[in-house]
Amino acid sequence: MELFEAFTARHTVRKYDSSAPVPAEDLHDILTAAATAPSAWNLQHWRFLVITDPARKQELLPLTYNQQQTVDAPVFILVLGDREADKMADDLYLPLVDKGLMPKQAAETLIGNIKGAYNPDNKAWAQDEAVLNSGFAAMQLMLAAKAKGYDTCPMGGIDRNGLRKLLNIPERFHIVMGLTLGKAAAPAHPTGRLPIEELVIKESF
């Protein structure tokens, strides 16, 4: 599917064919494409907690407020955002120095800037960064899924505290959203879109 076709063909699907699994290689390709999303300082704030076990999805059902797609979709994904993404800076930048792809001083400056931004007085900013950058990856995941012939549903109505406890999610990671992924059993509900003229402001309000 061409990119612009994926944009227009992607819709939020809530009814899934539970008998149509997502092959492991397709899921791998979709997640790999999602992980190429942009991120501030290339810190790659996202993590994907992937659940395919039917019994586990049944446990999730009340924590997604009984949204049936939780169990009907073959794949349920929690998109997590790293509130301590600065801890990845050394692992991301120092290998570039070792490979001769970045001067050591440039890497040290970047790492210093990152660690300076992620300080105890800046927790609200770190939270915002976790959500913002993980959102890029979530959208890319949904488009990659559609390009592969699958449908998705982003879910913000979830019990984050309950999910954290059940799935042992460290406090370091904010639960950004749930996502279901699979083959649609029924078309998405039709939706209206505002005219682009109402959405684009040129130069200034």
N, C-alpha and C. Protein backbone atom coordinates (compact mmCIF):
# COMPACT_ATOMS: atom_id res chain seq x y z
N MET A 1 0.85 -1.19 0.00
CA MET A 1 0.00 0.00 0.00
C MET A 1 0.88 1.24 0.00
N GLU A 2 0.58 2.19 -0.86
CA GLU A 2 1.33 3.43 -0.91
C GLU A 2 1.07 4.25 0.36
N LEU A 3 2.02 5.12 0.68
CA LEU A 3 1.94 5.88 1.93
C LEU A 3 0.66 6.68 2.03
N PHE A 4 0.31 7.42 0.99
CA PHE A 4 -0.88 8.25 1.07
C PHE A 4 -2.15 7.40 1.11
N GLU A 5 -2.12 6.22 0.54
CA GLU A 5 -3.25 5.31 0.66
C GLU A 5 -3.41 4.87 2.11
N ALA A 6 -2.29 4.60 2.79
CA ALA A 6 -2.35 4.19 4.19
C ALA A 6 -2.95 5.30 5.05
N PHE A 7 -2.59 6.56 4.75
CA PHE A 7 -3.16 7.68 5.50
C PHE A 7 -4.68 7.67 5.42
N THR A 8 -5.21 7.53 4.22
CA THR A 8 -6.65 7.66 4.01
C THR A 8 -7.40 6.37 4.35
N ALA A 9 -6.71 5.24 4.27
CA ALA A 9 -7.38 3.96 4.54
C ALA A 9 -7.40 3.61 6.02
N ARG A 10 -6.52 4.21 6.81
CA ARG A 10 -6.47 3.88 8.23
C ARG A 10 -7.66 4.46 8.95
N HIS A 11 -8.38 3.62 9.66
CA HIS A 11 -9.50 4.04 10.50
C HIS A 11 -9.43 3.27 11.81
N THR A 12 -10.08 3.78 12.82
CA THR A 12 -10.12 3.10 14.11
C THR A 12 -11.12 1.95 14.05
N VAL A 13 -10.61 0.74 14.19
CA VAL A 13 -11.44 -0.47 14.08
C VAL A 13 -11.61 -1.09 15.46
N ARG A 14 -12.85 -1.38 15.82
CA ARG A 14 -13.13 -1.95 17.15
C ARG A 14 -13.64 -3.38 17.10
N LYS A 15 -13.92 -3.90 15.92
CA LYS A 15 -14.39 -5.29 15.79
C LYS A 15 -13.36 -6.06 14.97
N TYR A 16 -12.83 -7.13 15.58
CA TYR A 16 -11.74 -7.88 14.98
C TYR A 16 -12.12 -9.33 14.75
N ASP A 17 -11.48 -9.90 13.74
CA ASP A 17 -11.61 -11.32 13.46
C ASP A 17 -10.62 -12.07 14.35
N SER A 18 -11.13 -12.65 15.41
CA SER A 18 -10.24 -13.31 16.39
C SER A 18 -9.62 -14.58 15.83
N SER A 19 -10.12 -15.06 14.69
CA SER A 19 -9.56 -16.28 14.08
C SER A 19 -8.46 -15.97 13.08
N ALA A 20 -8.12 -14.70 12.90
CA ALA A 20 -7.09 -14.31 11.93
C ALA A 20 -5.87 -13.77 12.68
N PRO A 21 -4.89 -14.62 12.96
CA PRO A 21 -3.72 -14.17 13.72
C PRO A 21 -2.82 -13.24 12.90
N VAL A 22 -1.98 -12.53 13.60
CA VAL A 22 -0.96 -11.71 12.96
C VAL A 22 0.35 -12.50 13.00
N PRO A 23 0.87 -12.94 11.85
CA PRO A 23 2.12 -13.71 11.86
C PRO A 23 3.25 -12.93 12.54
N ALA A 24 4.14 -13.67 13.18
CA ALA A 24 5.22 -13.04 13.94
C ALA A 24 6.08 -12.15 13.05
N GLU A 25 6.30 -12.56 11.80
CA GLU A 25 7.14 -11.75 10.93
C GLU A 25 6.47 -10.43 10.56
N ASP A 26 5.13 -10.45 10.40
CA ASP A 26 4.42 -9.20 10.13
C ASP A 26 4.48 -8.27 11.33
N LEU A 27 4.27 -8.82 12.50
CA LEU A 27 4.32 -8.00 13.71
C LEU A 27 5.72 -7.41 13.89
N HIS A 28 6.72 -8.20 13.62
CA HIS A 28 8.10 -7.71 13.72
C HIS A 28 8.33 -6.55 12.76
N ASP A 29 7.85 -6.70 11.53
CA ASP A 29 8.03 -5.64 10.53
C ASP A 29 7.31 -4.35 10.95
N ILE A 30 6.11 -4.50 11.50
CA ILE A 30 5.33 -3.33 11.93
C ILE A 30 6.03 -2.61 13.07
N LEU A 31 6.50 -3.36 14.06
CA LEU A 31 7.18 -2.75 15.21
C LEU A 31 8.51 -2.13 14.80
N THR A 32 9.20 -2.78 13.87
CA THR A 32 10.46 -2.24 13.39
C THR A 32 10.24 -0.92 12.67
N ALA A 33 9.18 -0.84 11.86
CA ALA A 33 8.85 0.41 11.18
C ALA A 33 8.47 1.49 12.18
N ALA A 34 7.71 1.13 13.20
CA ALA A 34 7.32 2.10 14.23
C ALA A 34 8.53 2.67 14.93
N ALA A 35 9.53 1.84 15.14
CA ALA A 35 10.72 2.26 15.88
C ALA A 35 11.65 3.16 15.08
N THR A 36 11.32 3.43 13.82
CA THR A 36 12.11 4.38 13.04
C THR A 36 11.57 5.80 13.18
N ALA A 37 10.59 6.00 14.03
CA ALA A 37 10.00 7.33 14.23
C ALA A 37 11.05 8.31 14.77
N PRO A 38 10.84 9.60 14.55
CA PRO A 38 11.77 10.59 15.09
C PRO A 38 11.59 10.75 16.60
N SER A 39 12.64 11.22 17.25
CA SER A 39 12.55 11.51 18.69
C SER A 39 13.58 12.56 19.06
N ALA A 40 13.28 13.31 20.10
CA ALA A 40 14.20 14.34 20.57
C ALA A 40 15.52 13.71 20.98
N TRP A 41 16.63 14.27 20.46
CA TRP A 41 17.96 13.75 20.74
C TRP A 41 18.13 12.28 20.34
N ASN A 42 17.21 11.77 19.53
CA ASN A 42 17.23 10.36 19.13
C ASN A 42 17.19 9.42 20.34
N LEU A 43 16.50 9.82 21.39
CA LEU A 43 16.47 9.01 22.61
C LEU A 43 15.49 7.84 22.52
N GLN A 44 14.63 7.86 21.51
CA GLN A 44 13.75 6.70 21.25
C GLN A 44 12.97 6.31 22.51
N HIS A 45 12.15 7.24 22.95
CA HIS A 45 11.46 7.14 24.24
C HIS A 45 10.48 5.97 24.33
N TRP A 46 10.07 5.40 23.23
CA TRP A 46 9.00 4.40 23.21
C TRP A 46 9.49 3.01 23.61
N ARG A 47 8.58 2.28 24.22
CA ARG A 47 8.71 0.84 24.41
C ARG A 47 7.35 0.24 24.06
N PHE A 48 7.36 -0.95 23.48
CA PHE A 48 6.13 -1.62 23.08
C PHE A 48 5.97 -2.89 23.91
N LEU A 49 4.97 -2.92 24.77
CA LEU A 49 4.67 -4.11 25.55
C LEU A 49 3.60 -4.88 24.78
N VAL A 50 3.99 -6.00 24.21
CA VAL A 50 3.15 -6.75 23.27
C VAL A 50 2.53 -7.96 23.96
N ILE A 51 1.22 -8.07 23.85
CA ILE A 51 0.49 -9.17 24.50
C ILE A 51 -0.35 -9.90 23.46
N THR A 52 -0.11 -11.19 23.33
CA THR A 52 -0.88 -12.02 22.40
C THR A 52 -1.55 -13.21 23.09
N ASP A 53 -1.17 -13.50 24.31
CA ASP A 53 -1.73 -14.64 25.02
C ASP A 53 -3.20 -14.39 25.37
N PRO A 54 -4.11 -15.27 24.92
CA PRO A 54 -5.54 -15.03 25.15
C PRO A 54 -5.89 -14.92 26.64
N ALA A 55 -5.27 -15.73 27.48
CA ALA A 55 -5.57 -15.67 28.91
C ALA A 55 -5.14 -14.34 29.51
N ARG A 56 -4.00 -13.84 29.08
CA ARG A 56 -3.52 -12.56 29.57
C ARG A 56 -4.44 -11.44 29.11
N LYS A 57 -4.91 -11.51 27.88
CA LYS A 57 -5.82 -10.47 27.37
C LYS A 57 -7.14 -10.47 28.13
N GLN A 58 -7.58 -11.63 28.58
CA GLN A 58 -8.78 -11.68 29.42
C GLN A 58 -8.55 -10.94 30.72
N GLU A 59 -7.34 -11.04 31.27
CA GLU A 59 -7.01 -10.30 32.48
C GLU A 59 -7.00 -8.80 32.23
N LEU A 60 -6.64 -8.42 31.01
CA LEU A 60 -6.60 -6.99 30.66
C LEU A 60 -7.98 -6.40 30.47
N LEU A 61 -8.96 -7.23 30.13
CA LEU A 61 -10.27 -6.73 29.73
C LEU A 61 -10.87 -5.75 30.73
N PRO A 62 -10.96 -6.08 32.02
CA PRO A 62 -11.54 -5.09 32.95
C PRO A 62 -10.68 -3.84 33.09
N LEU A 63 -9.39 -3.95 32.78
CA LEU A 63 -8.49 -2.79 32.90
C LEU A 63 -8.54 -1.90 31.66
N THR A 64 -9.26 -2.36 30.65
CA THR A 64 -9.54 -1.50 29.49
C THR A 64 -11.04 -1.18 29.47
N TYR A 65 -11.65 -1.28 30.64
CA TYR A 65 -13.07 -0.95 30.83
C TYR A 65 -13.95 -1.76 29.89
N ASN A 66 -13.59 -3.06 29.78
CA ASN A 66 -14.38 -4.04 29.03
C ASN A 66 -14.58 -3.67 27.56
N GLN A 67 -13.59 -3.05 26.98
CA GLN A 67 -13.62 -2.82 25.54
C GLN A 67 -13.29 -4.15 24.84
N GLN A 68 -14.27 -4.67 24.12
CA GLN A 68 -14.19 -6.03 23.61
C GLN A 68 -13.01 -6.25 22.68
N GLN A 69 -12.55 -5.20 22.00
CA GLN A 69 -11.43 -5.38 21.08
C GLN A 69 -10.16 -5.83 21.80
N THR A 70 -10.10 -5.61 23.10
CA THR A 70 -8.94 -6.05 23.88
C THR A 70 -8.70 -7.54 23.73
N VAL A 71 -9.77 -8.32 23.75
CA VAL A 71 -9.62 -9.78 23.66
C VAL A 71 -9.84 -10.29 22.24
N ASP A 72 -10.61 -9.60 21.44
CA ASP A 72 -10.88 -10.08 20.08
C ASP A 72 -9.71 -9.86 19.15
N ALA A 73 -9.00 -8.75 19.30
CA ALA A 73 -7.83 -8.50 18.45
C ALA A 73 -6.72 -9.48 18.82
N PRO A 74 -6.02 -10.03 17.84
CA PRO A 74 -4.97 -11.00 18.17
C PRO A 74 -3.78 -10.39 18.90
N VAL A 75 -3.60 -9.06 18.75
CA VAL A 75 -2.45 -8.41 19.39
C VAL A 75 -2.94 -7.19 20.16
N PHE A 76 -2.50 -7.09 21.40
CA PHE A 76 -2.73 -5.89 22.22
C PHE A 76 -1.36 -5.34 22.57
N ILE A 77 -1.18 -4.04 22.33
CA ILE A 77 0.12 -3.40 22.58
C ILE A 77 -0.08 -2.22 23.52
N LEU A 78 0.75 -2.16 24.54
CA LEU A 78 0.82 -0.95 25.35
C LEU A 78 2.02 -0.15 24.87
N VAL A 79 1.77 1.09 24.51
CA VAL A 79 2.84 2.00 24.14
C VAL A 79 3.28 2.74 25.40
N LEU A 80 4.54 2.59 25.74
CA LEU A 80 5.09 3.19 26.94
C LEU A 80 6.06 4.30 26.57
N GLY A 81 6.13 5.32 27.40
CA GLY A 81 7.05 6.42 27.19
C GLY A 81 8.06 6.51 28.32
N ASP A 82 9.32 6.63 27.96
CA ASP A 82 10.41 6.63 28.93
C ASP A 82 10.59 8.01 29.54
N ARG A 83 10.31 8.11 30.83
CA ARG A 83 10.48 9.38 31.55
C ARG A 83 11.93 9.60 31.99
N GLU A 84 12.76 8.59 31.80
CA GLU A 84 14.18 8.69 32.15
C GLU A 84 15.03 8.35 30.93
N ALA A 85 14.63 8.92 29.79
CA ALA A 85 15.29 8.59 28.53
C ALA A 85 16.75 9.03 28.50
N ASP A 86 17.13 9.94 29.40
CA ASP A 86 18.53 10.37 29.45
C ASP A 86 19.47 9.21 29.77
N LYS A 87 18.95 8.16 30.41
CA LYS A 87 19.77 7.01 30.75
C LYS A 87 20.24 6.26 29.51
N MET A 88 19.63 6.54 28.35
CA MET A 88 20.03 5.89 27.11
C MET A 88 21.11 6.67 26.37
N ALA A 89 21.44 7.86 26.83
CA ALA A 89 22.31 8.75 26.06
C ALA A 89 23.69 8.13 25.81
N ASP A 90 24.31 7.60 26.84
CA ASP A 90 25.64 7.02 26.65
C ASP A 90 25.61 5.87 25.65
N ASP A 91 24.60 5.00 25.78
CA ASP A 91 24.50 3.84 24.89
C ASP A 91 24.26 4.25 23.44
N LEU A 92 23.64 5.40 23.24
CA LEU A 92 23.33 5.84 21.89
C LEU A 92 24.49 6.60 21.25
N TYR A 93 25.18 7.41 22.03
CA TYR A 93 26.17 8.31 21.44
C TYR A 93 27.61 7.80 21.52
N LEU A 94 27.99 7.13 22.58
CA LEU A 94 29.37 6.68 22.69
C LEU A 94 29.77 5.67 21.62
N PRO A 95 28.87 4.76 21.21
CA PRO A 95 29.25 3.88 20.09
C PRO A 95 29.52 4.63 18.79
N LEU A 96 28.86 5.78 18.60
CA LEU A 96 29.12 6.58 17.40
C LEU A 96 30.55 7.12 17.43
N VAL A 97 31.01 7.48 18.62
CA VAL A 97 32.39 7.94 18.77
C VAL A 97 33.35 6.80 18.46
N ASP A 98 33.07 5.61 19.00
CA ASP A 98 33.94 4.46 18.78
C ASP A 98 34.03 4.10 17.30
N LYS A 99 32.95 4.33 16.56
CA LYS A 99 32.94 4.00 15.13
C LYS A 99 33.45 5.14 14.25
N GLY A 100 33.84 6.24 14.88
CA GLY A 100 34.34 7.37 14.13
C GLY A 100 33.27 8.17 13.43
N LEU A 101 32.03 8.04 13.88
CA LEU A 101 30.91 8.74 13.24
C LEU A 101 30.57 10.06 13.92
N MET A 102 31.16 10.31 15.09
CA MET A 102 30.90 11.55 15.81
C MET A 102 32.14 11.90 16.63
N PRO A 103 32.55 13.17 16.60
CA PRO A 103 33.68 13.57 17.46
C PRO A 103 33.33 13.37 18.93
N LYS A 104 34.32 12.98 19.70
CA LYS A 104 34.10 12.72 21.12
C LYS A 104 33.56 13.95 21.84
N GLN A 105 34.10 15.12 21.51
CA GLN A 105 33.65 16.33 22.20
C GLN A 105 32.19 16.62 21.89
N ALA A 106 31.77 16.39 20.64
CA ALA A 106 30.37 16.61 20.28
C ALA A 106 29.46 15.68 21.05
N ALA A 107 29.87 14.42 21.17
CA ALA A 107 29.06 13.45 21.91
C ALA A 107 28.97 13.83 23.38
N GLU A 108 30.09 14.23 23.95
CA GLU A 108 30.08 14.60 25.37
C GLU A 108 29.22 15.83 25.61
N THR A 109 29.23 16.76 24.67
CA THR A 109 28.39 17.95 24.80
C THR A 109 26.92 17.57 24.75
N LEU A 110 26.56 16.73 23.79
CA LEU A 110 25.16 16.30 23.67
C LEU A 110 24.71 15.55 24.92
N ILE A 111 25.54 14.64 25.38
CA ILE A 111 25.18 13.86 26.58
C ILE A 111 25.02 14.78 27.77
N GLY A 112 25.88 15.77 27.90
CA GLY A 112 25.76 16.72 28.99
C GLY A 112 24.48 17.53 28.90
N ASN A 113 24.11 17.94 27.69
CA ASN A 113 22.86 18.68 27.51
C ASN A 113 21.65 17.83 27.88
N ILE A 114 21.69 16.59 27.47
CA ILE A 114 20.57 15.68 27.76
C ILE A 114 20.43 15.48 29.26
N LYS A 115 21.53 15.17 29.91
CA LYS A 115 21.47 14.91 31.36
C LYS A 115 21.12 16.18 32.13
N GLY A 116 21.49 17.33 31.59
CA GLY A 116 21.10 18.57 32.23
C GLY A 116 19.62 18.84 32.13
N ALA A 117 19.02 18.45 31.00
CA ALA A 117 17.58 18.65 30.82
C ALA A 117 16.76 17.72 31.70
N TYR A 118 17.24 16.48 31.84
CA TYR A 118 16.52 15.50 32.65
C TYR A 118 17.01 15.61 34.10
N ASN A 119 16.56 16.63 34.78
CA ASN A 119 16.95 16.81 36.18
C ASN A 119 15.71 16.70 37.06
N PRO A 120 15.89 16.50 38.36
CA PRO A 120 14.74 16.27 39.25
C PRO A 120 13.73 17.40 39.26
N ASP A 121 14.15 18.60 38.90
CA ASP A 121 13.22 19.73 38.89
C ASP A 121 12.44 19.84 37.58
N ASN A 122 12.70 18.93 36.66
CA ASN A 122 12.11 19.01 35.32
C ASN A 122 11.25 17.79 35.01
N LYS A 123 10.61 17.23 36.02
CA LYS A 123 9.87 15.99 35.82
C LYS A 123 8.66 16.17 34.90
N ALA A 124 8.01 17.31 34.97
CA ALA A 124 6.85 17.55 34.10
C ALA A 124 7.29 17.59 32.64
N TRP A 125 8.43 18.19 32.39
CA TRP A 125 8.96 18.23 31.03
C TRP A 125 9.31 16.83 30.55
N ALA A 126 9.93 16.03 31.41
CA ALA A 126 10.29 14.66 31.04
C ALA A 126 9.05 13.84 30.72
N GLN A 127 7.97 14.07 31.47
CA GLN A 127 6.70 13.39 31.20
C GLN A 127 6.16 13.80 29.83
N ASP A 128 6.18 15.10 29.56
CA ASP A 128 5.70 15.58 28.26
C ASP A 128 6.51 14.98 27.12
N GLU A 129 7.81 14.91 27.29
CA GLU A 129 8.67 14.34 26.25
C GLU A 129 8.37 12.86 26.03
N ALA A 130 8.11 12.14 27.11
CA ALA A 130 7.78 10.72 27.00
C ALA A 130 6.53 10.52 26.16
N VAL A 131 5.51 11.35 26.41
CA VAL A 131 4.24 11.23 25.69
C VAL A 131 4.39 11.69 24.24
N LEU A 132 5.01 12.84 24.05
CA LEU A 132 5.14 13.41 22.71
C LEU A 132 5.89 12.45 21.79
N ASN A 133 7.06 12.01 22.20
CA ASN A 133 7.89 11.20 21.31
C ASN A 133 7.33 9.80 21.11
N SER A 134 6.71 9.24 22.14
CA SER A 134 6.08 7.93 21.97
C SER A 134 4.87 8.02 21.05
N GLY A 135 4.21 9.20 21.04
CA GLY A 135 3.09 9.39 20.13
C GLY A 135 3.51 9.30 18.67
N PHE A 136 4.73 9.80 18.36
CA PHE A 136 5.22 9.66 16.99
C PHE A 136 5.29 8.19 16.59
N ALA A 137 5.85 7.37 17.49
CA ALA A 137 6.01 5.95 17.20
C ALA A 137 4.66 5.24 17.11
N ALA A 138 3.71 5.63 17.96
CA ALA A 138 2.39 5.01 17.93
C ALA A 138 1.69 5.27 16.60
N MET A 139 1.77 6.50 16.12
CA MET A 139 1.14 6.81 14.83
C MET A 139 1.83 6.06 13.70
N GLN A 140 3.13 5.99 13.77
CA GLN A 140 3.86 5.27 12.73
C GLN A 140 3.51 3.78 12.76
N LEU A 141 3.30 3.24 13.95
CA LEU A 141 2.90 1.84 14.09
C LEU A 141 1.55 1.61 13.40
N MET A 142 0.61 2.51 13.63
CA MET A 142 -0.72 2.34 13.03
C MET A 142 -0.67 2.41 11.51
N LEU A 143 0.15 3.31 10.99
CA LEU A 143 0.27 3.41 9.53
C LEU A 143 0.99 2.20 8.95
N ALA A 144 2.03 1.72 9.65
CA ALA A 144 2.73 0.52 9.19
C ALA A 144 1.80 -0.69 9.19
N ALA A 145 0.96 -0.79 10.22
CA ALA A 145 0.00 -1.89 10.28
C ALA A 145 -0.96 -1.83 9.09
N LYS A 146 -1.46 -0.64 8.79
CA LYS A 146 -2.39 -0.51 7.68
C LYS A 146 -1.72 -0.85 6.36
N ALA A 147 -0.47 -0.42 6.20
CA ALA A 147 0.26 -0.74 4.98
C ALA A 147 0.45 -2.24 4.81
N LYS A 148 0.46 -2.97 5.92
CA LYS A 148 0.58 -4.43 5.88
C LYS A 148 -0.77 -5.13 5.77
N GLY A 149 -1.86 -4.35 5.78
CA GLY A 149 -3.18 -4.94 5.65
C GLY A 149 -3.89 -5.21 6.96
N TYR A 150 -3.42 -4.61 8.04
CA TYR A 150 -4.04 -4.80 9.35
C TYR A 150 -4.70 -3.51 9.83
N ASP A 151 -5.54 -3.64 10.83
CA ASP A 151 -6.25 -2.49 11.39
C ASP A 151 -5.86 -2.33 12.86
N THR A 152 -6.11 -1.13 13.37
CA THR A 152 -5.72 -0.81 14.73
C THR A 152 -6.78 0.06 15.41
N CYS A 153 -6.67 0.14 16.72
CA CYS A 153 -7.51 1.02 17.51
C CYS A 153 -6.69 1.59 18.66
N PRO A 154 -6.39 2.90 18.65
CA PRO A 154 -5.70 3.49 19.81
C PRO A 154 -6.68 3.63 20.96
N MET A 155 -6.23 3.32 22.16
CA MET A 155 -7.11 3.30 23.33
C MET A 155 -6.49 4.13 24.45
N GLY A 156 -7.12 5.25 24.75
CA GLY A 156 -6.69 6.06 25.88
C GLY A 156 -7.48 5.78 27.14
N GLY A 157 -8.65 5.17 26.98
CA GLY A 157 -9.51 4.85 28.12
C GLY A 157 -9.10 3.54 28.75
N ILE A 158 -8.06 3.58 29.56
CA ILE A 158 -7.51 2.38 30.19
C ILE A 158 -7.16 2.70 31.65
N ASP A 159 -7.15 1.67 32.46
CA ASP A 159 -6.78 1.81 33.87
C ASP A 159 -5.27 1.69 33.99
N ARG A 160 -4.59 2.80 33.94
CA ARG A 160 -3.12 2.78 33.91
C ARG A 160 -2.53 2.21 35.20
N ASN A 161 -3.10 2.54 36.32
CA ASN A 161 -2.59 2.01 37.58
C ASN A 161 -2.77 0.50 37.65
N GLY A 162 -3.93 0.03 37.21
CA GLY A 162 -4.18 -1.40 37.21
C GLY A 162 -3.26 -2.15 36.25
N LEU A 163 -3.05 -1.59 35.07
CA LEU A 163 -2.17 -2.21 34.09
C LEU A 163 -0.73 -2.24 34.59
N ARG A 164 -0.31 -1.16 35.23
CA ARG A 164 1.05 -1.12 35.77
C ARG A 164 1.27 -2.23 36.79
N LYS A 165 0.28 -2.42 37.64
CA LYS A 165 0.40 -3.45 38.69
C LYS A 165 0.38 -4.84 38.08
N LEU A 166 -0.56 -5.09 37.17
CA LEU A 166 -0.70 -6.42 36.59
C LEU A 166 0.53 -6.83 35.79
N LEU A 167 1.08 -5.89 35.04
CA LEU A 167 2.15 -6.21 34.09
C LEU A 167 3.53 -5.81 34.60
N ASN A 168 3.60 -5.41 35.87
CA ASN A 168 4.88 -5.09 36.51
C ASN A 168 5.66 -4.02 35.74
N ILE A 169 4.97 -2.99 35.30
CA ILE A 169 5.60 -1.93 34.52
C ILE A 169 6.33 -0.97 35.47
N PRO A 170 7.61 -0.78 35.28
CA PRO A 170 8.36 0.13 36.17
C PRO A 170 7.84 1.56 36.10
N GLU A 171 7.98 2.29 37.19
CA GLU A 171 7.53 3.68 37.25
C GLU A 171 8.25 4.57 36.24
N ARG A 172 9.40 4.12 35.81
CA ARG A 172 10.16 4.88 34.79
C ARG A 172 9.32 5.12 33.54
N PHE A 173 8.40 4.21 33.22
CA PHE A 173 7.66 4.28 31.97
C PHE A 173 6.22 4.73 32.19
N HIS A 174 5.84 5.78 31.48
CA HIS A 174 4.45 6.23 31.47
C HIS A 174 3.68 5.39 30.46
N ILE A 175 2.47 4.98 30.84
CA ILE A 175 1.62 4.22 29.91
C ILE A 175 0.89 5.23 29.05
N VAL A 176 1.31 5.35 27.80
CA VAL A 176 0.78 6.36 26.90
C VAL A 176 -0.58 5.96 26.37
N MET A 177 -0.69 4.73 25.86
CA MET A 177 -1.96 4.26 25.29
C MET A 177 -1.90 2.76 25.08
N GLY A 178 -3.07 2.18 24.87
CA GLY A 178 -3.16 0.82 24.38
C GLY A 178 -3.43 0.86 22.88
N LEU A 179 -3.07 -0.21 22.20
CA LEU A 179 -3.36 -0.34 20.78
C LEU A 179 -3.78 -1.77 20.51
N THR A 180 -4.88 -1.95 19.79
CA THR A 180 -5.22 -3.28 19.30
C THR A 180 -4.84 -3.37 17.84
N LEU A 181 -4.50 -4.59 17.42
CA LEU A 181 -4.01 -4.80 16.06
C LEU A 181 -4.50 -6.15 15.54
N GLY A 182 -5.05 -6.14 14.34
CA GLY A 182 -5.52 -7.39 13.73
C GLY A 182 -6.29 -7.10 12.46
N LYS A 183 -7.05 -8.11 12.01
CA LYS A 183 -7.88 -7.99 10.82
C LYS A 183 -9.30 -7.59 11.23
N ALA A 184 -9.84 -6.60 10.56
CA ALA A 184 -11.18 -6.12 10.89
C ALA A 184 -12.23 -7.18 10.60
N ALA A 185 -13.18 -7.32 11.52
CA ALA A 185 -14.34 -8.19 11.29
C ALA A 185 -15.52 -7.39 10.78
N ALA A 186 -15.45 -6.08 10.95
CA ALA A 186 -16.50 -5.17 10.46
C ALA A 186 -15.83 -3.83 10.18
N PRO A 187 -16.33 -3.09 9.22
CA PRO A 187 -15.71 -1.80 8.89
C PRO A 187 -15.77 -0.84 10.08
N ALA A 188 -14.85 0.08 10.08
CA ALA A 188 -14.87 1.14 11.09
C ALA A 188 -16.09 2.01 10.90
N HIS A 189 -16.54 2.63 11.98
CA HIS A 189 -17.64 3.57 11.87
C HIS A 189 -17.21 4.75 11.01
N PRO A 190 -18.07 5.22 10.12
CA PRO A 190 -17.71 6.40 9.33
C PRO A 190 -17.54 7.63 10.22
N THR A 191 -16.59 8.45 9.85
CA THR A 191 -16.34 9.68 10.61
C THR A 191 -16.27 10.86 9.65
N GLY A 192 -16.53 12.03 10.19
CA GLY A 192 -16.39 13.25 9.40
C GLY A 192 -15.06 13.90 9.68
N ARG A 193 -14.60 14.68 8.73
CA ARG A 193 -13.34 15.40 8.88
C ARG A 193 -13.59 16.87 8.61
N LEU A 194 -12.99 17.70 9.42
CA LEU A 194 -13.12 19.14 9.20
C LEU A 194 -12.42 19.53 7.91
N PRO A 195 -12.94 20.51 7.22
CA PRO A 195 -12.25 21.00 6.03
C PRO A 195 -10.85 21.48 6.38
N ILE A 196 -9.90 21.22 5.50
CA ILE A 196 -8.53 21.60 5.78
C ILE A 196 -8.41 23.11 6.00
N GLU A 197 -9.30 23.88 5.39
CA GLU A 197 -9.28 25.34 5.57
C GLU A 197 -9.54 25.75 7.01
N GLU A 198 -10.25 24.87 7.77
CA GLU A 198 -10.51 25.18 9.17
C GLU A 198 -9.37 24.74 10.08
N LEU A 199 -8.46 23.97 9.55
CA LEU A 199 -7.40 23.40 10.36
C LEU A 199 -6.05 24.08 10.16
N VAL A 200 -5.91 24.80 9.08
CA VAL A 200 -4.63 25.42 8.75
C VAL A 200 -4.69 26.92 8.97
N ILE A 201 -3.79 27.43 9.77
CA ILE A 201 -3.68 28.87 10.01
C ILE A 201 -2.37 29.32 9.36
N LYS A 202 -2.45 30.26 8.48
CA LYS A 202 -1.27 30.72 7.76
C LYS A 202 -0.66 31.95 8.43
N GLU A 203 0.61 31.83 8.72
CA GLU A 203 1.43 32.91 9.26
C GLU A 203 1.10 33.31 10.69
N SER A 204 -0.20 33.59 11.01
CA SER A 204 -0.55 34.03 12.36
C SER A 204 -2.07 34.00 12.51
N PHE A 205 -2.53 33.88 13.75
CA PHE A 205 -3.95 34.03 14.02
C PHE A 205 -4.35 35.49 13.81
